[in-house]
N, C-alpha and C. Protein backbone atom coordinates (compact mmCIF):
# COMPACT_ATOMS: atom_id res chain seq x y z
N UNK A 1 69.26 49.15 137.34
CA UNK A 1 68.98 48.14 137.48
C UNK A 1 67.46 47.94 136.68
N UNK A 2 67.45 47.00 135.88
CA UNK A 2 66.35 46.71 134.99
C UNK A 2 65.46 45.64 135.73
N UNK A 3 64.34 45.33 135.28
CA UNK A 3 63.39 44.32 135.77
C UNK A 3 63.79 42.85 136.14
N UNK A 4 64.90 42.57 135.27
CA UNK A 4 65.55 41.16 135.72
C UNK A 4 66.70 41.11 136.89
N UNK A 5 66.95 42.32 137.03
CA UNK A 5 68.11 42.26 138.10
C UNK A 5 67.68 42.64 139.60
N UNK A 6 66.59 41.96 139.89
CA UNK A 6 65.97 42.13 141.11
C UNK A 6 66.82 41.59 142.38
N UNK A 7 66.98 42.39 143.41
CA UNK A 7 67.92 41.96 144.58
C UNK A 7 67.26 42.43 145.87
N UNK A 8 67.08 41.37 146.62
CA UNK A 8 66.35 41.35 147.96
C UNK A 8 67.13 42.05 149.01
N UNK A 9 68.29 41.99 148.75
CA UNK A 9 69.12 42.81 149.72
C UNK A 9 69.03 44.36 149.33
N UNK A 10 68.72 44.80 148.15
CA UNK A 10 68.69 46.07 147.95
C UNK A 10 67.21 46.66 148.38
N UNK A 11 66.13 45.66 148.05
CA UNK A 11 64.94 45.74 148.53
C UNK A 11 64.72 46.13 150.13
N UNK A 12 65.35 45.16 150.66
CA UNK A 12 65.30 45.37 152.32
C UNK A 12 66.19 46.62 152.80
N UNK A 13 67.32 46.95 152.12
CA UNK A 13 68.17 48.05 152.33
C UNK A 13 67.41 49.37 152.09
N UNK A 14 66.47 49.32 151.19
CA UNK A 14 65.53 50.64 150.92
C UNK A 14 66.38 51.86 150.43
N UNK A 15 67.60 51.81 149.80
CA UNK A 15 68.31 52.80 149.46
C UNK A 15 68.93 53.83 150.55
N UNK A 16 69.21 53.05 151.66
CA UNK A 16 69.73 53.75 152.65
C UNK A 16 68.80 54.28 153.95
N UNK A 17 67.50 53.91 153.44
CA UNK A 17 66.45 54.65 154.43
C UNK A 17 65.66 53.18 155.18
N UNK A 18 66.19 52.08 154.95
CA UNK A 18 65.68 50.99 155.60
C UNK A 18 65.29 51.12 157.06
N UNK A 19 66.18 51.68 157.92
CA UNK A 19 65.66 51.80 159.30
C UNK A 19 64.60 52.77 159.65
N UNK A 20 64.44 53.77 158.78
CA UNK A 20 63.21 54.58 158.84
C UNK A 20 61.96 54.05 158.42
N UNK A 21 62.11 53.41 157.04
CA UNK A 21 60.95 52.62 156.46
C UNK A 21 60.39 51.34 157.33
N UNK A 22 61.22 50.68 157.56
CA UNK A 22 60.92 49.43 158.43
C UNK A 22 60.29 49.68 159.83
N UNK A 23 60.99 50.68 160.46
CA UNK A 23 60.43 51.12 161.75
C UNK A 23 59.25 51.62 161.63
N UNK A 24 58.52 52.11 160.55
CA UNK A 24 57.49 53.07 160.25
C UNK A 24 56.33 52.03 160.11
N UNK A 25 56.80 50.93 159.30
CA UNK A 25 55.84 49.76 159.15
C UNK A 25 55.68 49.01 160.47
N UNK A 26 56.95 48.74 161.17
CA UNK A 26 56.73 48.11 162.42
C UNK A 26 55.70 48.93 163.57
N UNK A 27 55.73 50.19 163.64
CA UNK A 27 55.10 50.98 164.51
C UNK A 27 53.49 51.16 163.94
N UNK A 28 53.27 51.05 162.55
CA UNK A 28 52.01 51.08 162.07
C UNK A 28 51.42 49.65 162.46
N UNK A 29 52.11 48.54 162.32
CA UNK A 29 51.48 47.13 162.60
C UNK A 29 51.15 47.13 164.05
N UNK A 30 52.12 47.68 165.10
CA UNK A 30 51.73 47.65 166.50
C UNK A 30 50.56 48.43 166.61
N UNK A 31 50.37 49.66 166.04
CA UNK A 31 49.25 50.49 166.32
C UNK A 31 48.05 49.64 165.91
N UNK A 32 47.98 48.87 164.65
CA UNK A 32 46.91 48.03 164.32
C UNK A 32 46.46 47.23 165.24
N UNK A 33 47.45 46.25 165.89
CA UNK A 33 47.27 45.25 166.91
C UNK A 33 46.69 45.87 168.21
N UNK A 34 47.20 47.04 168.42
CA UNK A 34 46.52 47.69 169.67
C UNK A 34 45.12 48.03 169.32
N UNK A 35 44.75 48.49 168.35
CA UNK A 35 43.54 49.09 168.01
C UNK A 35 42.52 48.03 167.71
N UNK A 36 43.20 46.77 167.82
CA UNK A 36 42.15 45.60 167.72
C UNK A 36 41.99 44.99 169.07
N UNK A 37 43.20 44.95 169.73
CA UNK A 37 43.09 44.19 171.02
C UNK A 37 42.50 44.91 172.09
N UNK A 38 42.84 46.20 172.05
CA UNK A 38 42.26 47.17 173.30
C UNK A 38 40.61 47.18 173.25
N UNK A 39 39.87 47.34 172.28
CA UNK A 39 38.58 47.27 172.58
C UNK A 39 37.99 45.86 172.81
N UNK A 40 38.61 44.68 172.39
CA UNK A 40 38.45 43.44 173.11
C UNK A 40 38.57 43.15 174.56
N UNK A 41 39.74 43.83 175.27
CA UNK A 41 39.98 43.65 176.41
C UNK A 41 38.93 44.51 177.08
N UNK A 42 38.76 45.92 176.72
CA UNK A 42 37.86 46.55 177.39
C UNK A 42 36.39 46.08 177.60
N UNK A 43 35.86 45.37 176.34
CA UNK A 43 34.67 44.56 176.27
C UNK A 43 34.77 43.49 177.30
N UNK A 44 35.73 42.86 177.77
CA UNK A 44 35.64 41.79 178.65
C UNK A 44 35.67 42.50 180.04
N UNK A 45 36.52 43.40 180.12
CA UNK A 45 36.28 44.32 181.60
C UNK A 45 34.72 44.93 181.92
N UNK A 46 34.22 45.44 180.96
CA UNK A 46 32.73 45.80 180.87
C UNK A 46 31.93 44.75 181.23
N UNK A 47 31.95 43.69 180.55
CA UNK A 47 31.09 42.61 180.84
C UNK A 47 31.23 42.01 182.13
N UNK A 48 32.47 41.94 182.53
CA UNK A 48 32.45 41.14 184.04
C UNK A 48 32.15 42.33 185.03
N UNK A 49 32.30 43.53 184.56
CA UNK A 49 31.75 44.56 185.79
C UNK A 49 30.37 44.63 185.84
N UNK A 50 29.53 44.57 184.64
CA UNK A 50 28.00 44.40 184.57
C UNK A 50 27.51 43.23 185.11
N UNK A 51 28.36 42.10 184.93
CA UNK A 51 27.85 40.66 185.68
C UNK A 51 27.85 40.97 187.27
N UNK A 52 29.12 41.63 187.69
CA UNK A 52 29.16 41.73 189.15
C UNK A 52 28.09 42.78 189.60
N UNK A 53 27.83 43.88 189.01
CA UNK A 53 26.71 44.72 189.37
C UNK A 53 25.55 44.00 189.59
N UNK A 54 25.13 43.15 188.67
CA UNK A 54 23.75 42.48 188.38
C UNK A 54 23.69 41.45 189.77
N UNK A 55 24.72 40.68 189.82
CA UNK A 55 24.84 39.68 190.78
C UNK A 55 24.78 40.53 192.33
N UNK A 56 25.31 41.38 192.37
CA UNK A 56 25.22 42.59 193.63
C UNK A 56 23.97 42.77 193.67
N UNK A 57 23.28 43.46 192.77
CA UNK A 57 22.04 43.71 192.98
C UNK A 57 20.98 42.64 193.25
N UNK A 58 21.27 41.41 192.76
CA UNK A 58 20.22 40.31 193.09
C UNK A 58 20.75 39.87 194.61
N UNK A 59 21.74 39.94 194.84
CA UNK A 59 22.06 39.48 196.28
C UNK A 59 21.37 40.66 197.36
N UNK A 60 21.61 41.84 197.02
CA UNK A 60 20.89 42.81 197.93
C UNK A 60 19.25 42.90 197.95
N UNK A 61 18.90 42.30 196.97
CA UNK A 61 17.48 42.26 196.91
C UNK A 61 16.80 41.12 197.55
N UNK A 62 17.66 40.06 197.83
CA UNK A 62 17.14 38.90 198.65
C UNK A 62 17.13 39.04 200.16
N UNK A 63 18.24 40.06 200.61
CA UNK A 63 18.33 40.12 201.96
C UNK A 63 17.34 41.28 202.36
N UNK A 64 16.67 41.92 201.70
CA UNK A 64 15.75 43.15 202.03
C UNK A 64 14.25 42.51 202.32
């Protein structure tokens, strides 16, 4: 195969290793997304927990 005989089907087939190659790309993409989304969700949880603690402390200070 020279440069002018490019075939998309051969590219996606990956010489018989397509299952391994594309699943590796898929897993890598999933891990990148998890590494981006997970800290964002944890940040929201921590902020809401801190807000609840501040509210609780403010309410307990008013009744004393």
